Structure formats: structure tokens, C-alpha cells
Amino acid sequence: MTLDAYLNSGAMTPAELARKSGLSAPSISRILFGEQNASHDAIKAIVKATGGKVTAHDLIFGKPRDPSEKRKAAA
């Protein structure tokens, strides 16, 4: 499951994922929108925080969220 799909499923919010993974909310956002590649440590933290529902493969090869969604959220 991609990070986008996981967050859209309502399993947790980006803020909750940031808290549970130990990553910053801006880092989660940059990974989600494909503006930043997840580091090895970030991948491990996200996989653990999501209980394995988002896998390393998903984070490396999954399609990021459409950047137009970021602009809508900011408006």
C-alpha cells in the first residue's frame, strides 16, 4: 500500500504518522509528495509505524501524491 493510500484510508493522519515514526511532519509531507526520497532510517520508521502496511517497496517505488493536492490543502 502506498503512503498516500494508507493515509487516505484513515488509518492515521500525517501528524500521527510523524509522531509514531519519530519523523517531522514536514519530512512526512515531502516524502508523501515525492519532494524527498525517504532515507533508510525513515523507511524503517514508516514501515514500523504503519505496522508493515506501507512497505519499503511501496516507499521506494510507489507513486507519490499529486502535487496539486498540496496546493489545494494550502488554499
N, C-alpha and C. Protein backbone atom coordinates (compact mmCIF):
# COMPACT_ATOMS: atom_id res chain seq x y z
N MET A 1 0.85 -1.17 0.00
CA MET A 1 0.00 0.00 0.00
C MET A 1 0.90 1.24 0.00
N THR A 2 0.63 2.18 -0.87
CA THR A 2 1.44 3.40 -0.89
C THR A 2 1.16 4.23 0.36
N LEU A 3 2.07 5.12 0.66
CA LEU A 3 1.89 6.01 1.80
C LEU A 3 0.63 6.84 1.61
N ASP A 4 0.40 7.31 0.40
CA ASP A 4 -0.80 8.10 0.09
C ASP A 4 -2.06 7.28 0.37
N ALA A 5 -2.11 6.06 -0.12
CA ALA A 5 -3.28 5.19 0.09
C ALA A 5 -3.48 4.92 1.58
N TYR A 6 -2.40 4.69 2.28
CA TYR A 6 -2.50 4.41 3.72
C TYR A 6 -3.11 5.61 4.45
N LEU A 7 -2.61 6.79 4.17
CA LEU A 7 -3.13 7.98 4.85
C LEU A 7 -4.56 8.27 4.42
N ASN A 8 -4.88 8.04 3.15
CA ASN A 8 -6.25 8.26 2.67
C ASN A 8 -7.23 7.24 3.24
N SER A 9 -6.72 6.10 3.71
CA SER A 9 -7.60 5.08 4.29
C SER A 9 -8.13 5.49 5.65
N GLY A 10 -7.55 6.53 6.22
CA GLY A 10 -7.97 6.99 7.54
C GLY A 10 -7.29 6.25 8.68
N ALA A 11 -6.31 5.42 8.35
CA ALA A 11 -5.62 4.66 9.38
C ALA A 11 -4.95 5.58 10.40
N MET A 12 -4.39 6.68 9.92
CA MET A 12 -3.83 7.72 10.78
C MET A 12 -3.60 8.97 9.94
N THR A 13 -3.45 10.06 10.62
CA THR A 13 -3.18 11.33 9.93
C THR A 13 -1.68 11.46 9.71
N PRO A 14 -1.28 12.36 8.82
CA PRO A 14 0.16 12.61 8.66
C PRO A 14 0.82 13.02 9.98
N ALA A 15 0.13 13.80 10.79
CA ALA A 15 0.69 14.23 12.09
C ALA A 15 0.89 13.03 13.02
N GLU A 16 -0.08 12.11 13.03
CA GLU A 16 0.06 10.90 13.85
C GLU A 16 1.22 10.04 13.34
N LEU A 17 1.34 9.93 12.02
CA LEU A 17 2.44 9.16 11.45
C LEU A 17 3.78 9.79 11.82
N ALA A 18 3.85 11.09 11.77
CA ALA A 18 5.09 11.79 12.16
C ALA A 18 5.43 11.46 13.61
N ARG A 19 4.45 11.56 14.48
CA ARG A 19 4.68 11.29 15.90
C ARG A 19 5.10 9.84 16.14
N LYS A 20 4.39 8.90 15.52
CA LYS A 20 4.68 7.48 15.73
C LYS A 20 6.00 7.05 15.10
N SER A 21 6.39 7.71 14.02
CA SER A 21 7.62 7.31 13.32
C SER A 21 8.84 8.06 13.83
N GLY A 22 8.62 9.16 14.56
CA GLY A 22 9.73 9.97 15.02
C GLY A 22 10.28 10.91 13.96
N LEU A 23 9.57 11.00 12.83
CA LEU A 23 9.96 11.91 11.76
C LEU A 23 9.20 13.22 11.93
N SER A 24 9.69 14.27 11.32
CA SER A 24 8.98 15.54 11.39
C SER A 24 7.80 15.53 10.43
N ALA A 25 6.79 16.32 10.74
CA ALA A 25 5.64 16.44 9.83
C ALA A 25 6.06 16.95 8.46
N PRO A 26 6.97 17.93 8.37
CA PRO A 26 7.41 18.37 7.04
C PRO A 26 8.11 17.24 6.26
N SER A 27 8.86 16.39 6.95
CA SER A 27 9.51 15.27 6.26
C SER A 27 8.47 14.30 5.71
N ILE A 28 7.45 14.00 6.50
CA ILE A 28 6.37 13.12 6.02
C ILE A 28 5.75 13.73 4.78
N SER A 29 5.46 15.02 4.82
CA SER A 29 4.85 15.70 3.68
C SER A 29 5.74 15.63 2.44
N ARG A 30 7.04 15.89 2.62
CA ARG A 30 7.95 15.85 1.47
C ARG A 30 8.05 14.45 0.88
N ILE A 31 8.06 13.43 1.72
CA ILE A 31 8.08 12.04 1.23
C ILE A 31 6.77 11.73 0.52
N LEU A 32 5.66 12.12 1.11
CA LEU A 32 4.34 11.86 0.55
C LEU A 32 4.19 12.46 -0.84
N PHE A 33 4.70 13.67 -1.04
CA PHE A 33 4.56 14.35 -2.32
C PHE A 33 5.73 14.13 -3.27
N GLY A 34 6.66 13.25 -2.88
CA GLY A 34 7.77 12.92 -3.76
C GLY A 34 8.81 14.01 -3.88
N GLU A 35 8.83 14.93 -2.93
CA GLU A 35 9.80 16.01 -2.95
C GLU A 35 11.10 15.60 -2.27
N GLN A 36 11.05 14.49 -1.56
CA GLN A 36 12.22 13.98 -0.84
C GLN A 36 12.16 12.47 -0.86
N ASN A 37 13.28 11.84 -1.15
CA ASN A 37 13.35 10.39 -1.04
C ASN A 37 13.50 10.03 0.43
N ALA A 38 12.82 8.98 0.82
CA ALA A 38 12.92 8.54 2.21
C ALA A 38 14.28 7.89 2.43
N SER A 39 14.93 8.27 3.51
CA SER A 39 16.20 7.66 3.88
C SER A 39 15.94 6.24 4.38
N HIS A 40 17.00 5.49 4.53
CA HIS A 40 16.88 4.12 5.04
C HIS A 40 16.20 4.14 6.42
N ASP A 41 16.63 5.05 7.28
CA ASP A 41 16.04 5.14 8.62
C ASP A 41 14.57 5.57 8.56
N ALA A 42 14.24 6.49 7.66
CA ALA A 42 12.85 6.93 7.52
C ALA A 42 11.98 5.79 7.02
N ILE A 43 12.49 5.01 6.07
CA ILE A 43 11.73 3.86 5.56
C ILE A 43 11.44 2.90 6.70
N LYS A 44 12.46 2.56 7.47
CA LYS A 44 12.26 1.62 8.59
C LYS A 44 11.24 2.17 9.58
N ALA A 45 11.31 3.47 9.87
CA ALA A 45 10.40 4.08 10.84
C ALA A 45 8.96 4.09 10.33
N ILE A 46 8.76 4.38 9.05
CA ILE A 46 7.40 4.40 8.49
C ILE A 46 6.82 3.00 8.41
N VAL A 47 7.63 2.04 7.99
CA VAL A 47 7.16 0.65 7.94
C VAL A 47 6.72 0.20 9.34
N LYS A 48 7.54 0.49 10.34
CA LYS A 48 7.21 0.11 11.72
C LYS A 48 5.96 0.83 12.21
N ALA A 49 5.87 2.14 11.97
CA ALA A 49 4.74 2.94 12.44
C ALA A 49 3.42 2.50 11.80
N THR A 50 3.49 2.00 10.58
CA THR A 50 2.26 1.56 9.88
C THR A 50 2.00 0.07 10.07
N GLY A 51 2.78 -0.57 10.90
CA GLY A 51 2.59 -1.99 11.14
C GLY A 51 2.85 -2.83 9.90
N GLY A 52 3.70 -2.32 9.01
CA GLY A 52 4.04 -3.04 7.79
C GLY A 52 3.05 -2.88 6.66
N LYS A 53 2.01 -2.09 6.89
CA LYS A 53 1.02 -1.89 5.80
C LYS A 53 1.64 -1.09 4.65
N VAL A 54 2.52 -0.15 4.97
CA VAL A 54 3.32 0.53 3.95
C VAL A 54 4.69 -0.14 4.01
N THR A 55 5.12 -0.72 2.91
CA THR A 55 6.37 -1.46 2.88
C THR A 55 7.50 -0.60 2.32
N ALA A 56 8.72 -1.09 2.49
CA ALA A 56 9.87 -0.40 1.90
C ALA A 56 9.70 -0.29 0.39
N HIS A 57 9.21 -1.35 -0.24
CA HIS A 57 8.98 -1.34 -1.69
C HIS A 57 8.00 -0.23 -2.06
N ASP A 58 6.93 -0.10 -1.27
CA ASP A 58 5.94 0.95 -1.52
C ASP A 58 6.57 2.34 -1.44
N LEU A 59 7.43 2.54 -0.46
CA LEU A 59 8.05 3.85 -0.28
C LEU A 59 9.07 4.17 -1.37
N ILE A 60 9.76 3.14 -1.85
CA ILE A 60 10.78 3.36 -2.86
C ILE A 60 10.17 3.48 -4.26
N PHE A 61 9.20 2.61 -4.55
CA PHE A 61 8.67 2.55 -5.92
C PHE A 61 7.24 3.06 -6.06
N GLY A 62 6.57 3.38 -4.96
CA GLY A 62 5.19 3.84 -5.03
C GLY A 62 5.07 5.23 -5.62
N LYS A 63 3.94 5.49 -6.21
CA LYS A 63 3.68 6.79 -6.82
C LYS A 63 3.36 7.81 -5.72
N PRO A 64 4.01 8.97 -5.76
CA PRO A 64 3.72 9.99 -4.74
C PRO A 64 2.35 10.62 -4.98
N ARG A 65 1.89 11.33 -3.99
CA ARG A 65 0.62 12.05 -4.10
C ARG A 65 0.76 13.17 -5.11
N ASP A 66 -0.30 13.45 -5.83
CA ASP A 66 -0.33 14.52 -6.84
C ASP A 66 -0.03 15.86 -6.17
N PRO A 67 0.97 16.58 -6.65
CA PRO A 67 1.32 17.88 -6.04
C PRO A 67 0.17 18.88 -6.03
N SER A 68 -0.79 18.75 -6.93
CA SER A 68 -1.92 19.67 -6.92
C SER A 68 -2.73 19.52 -5.64
N GLU A 69 -2.67 18.35 -5.00
CA GLU A 69 -3.37 18.15 -3.73
C GLU A 69 -2.75 19.01 -2.62
N LYS A 70 -1.45 19.23 -2.71
CA LYS A 70 -0.76 20.05 -1.71
C LYS A 70 -1.23 21.51 -1.83
N ARG A 71 -1.37 21.96 -3.05
CA ARG A 71 -1.84 23.34 -3.27
C ARG A 71 -3.27 23.49 -2.78
N LYS A 72 -4.11 22.48 -2.98
CA LYS A 72 -5.50 22.55 -2.51
C LYS A 72 -5.55 22.62 -0.99
N ALA A 73 -4.69 21.83 -0.34
CA ALA A 73 -4.68 21.80 1.13
C ALA A 73 -4.21 23.13 1.70
N ALA A 74 -3.31 23.81 0.98
CA ALA A 74 -2.78 25.09 1.45
C ALA A 74 -3.76 26.23 1.23
N ALA A 75 -4.71 26.05 0.33
CA ALA A 75 -5.64 27.13 0.00
C ALA A 75 -6.72 27.31 1.03
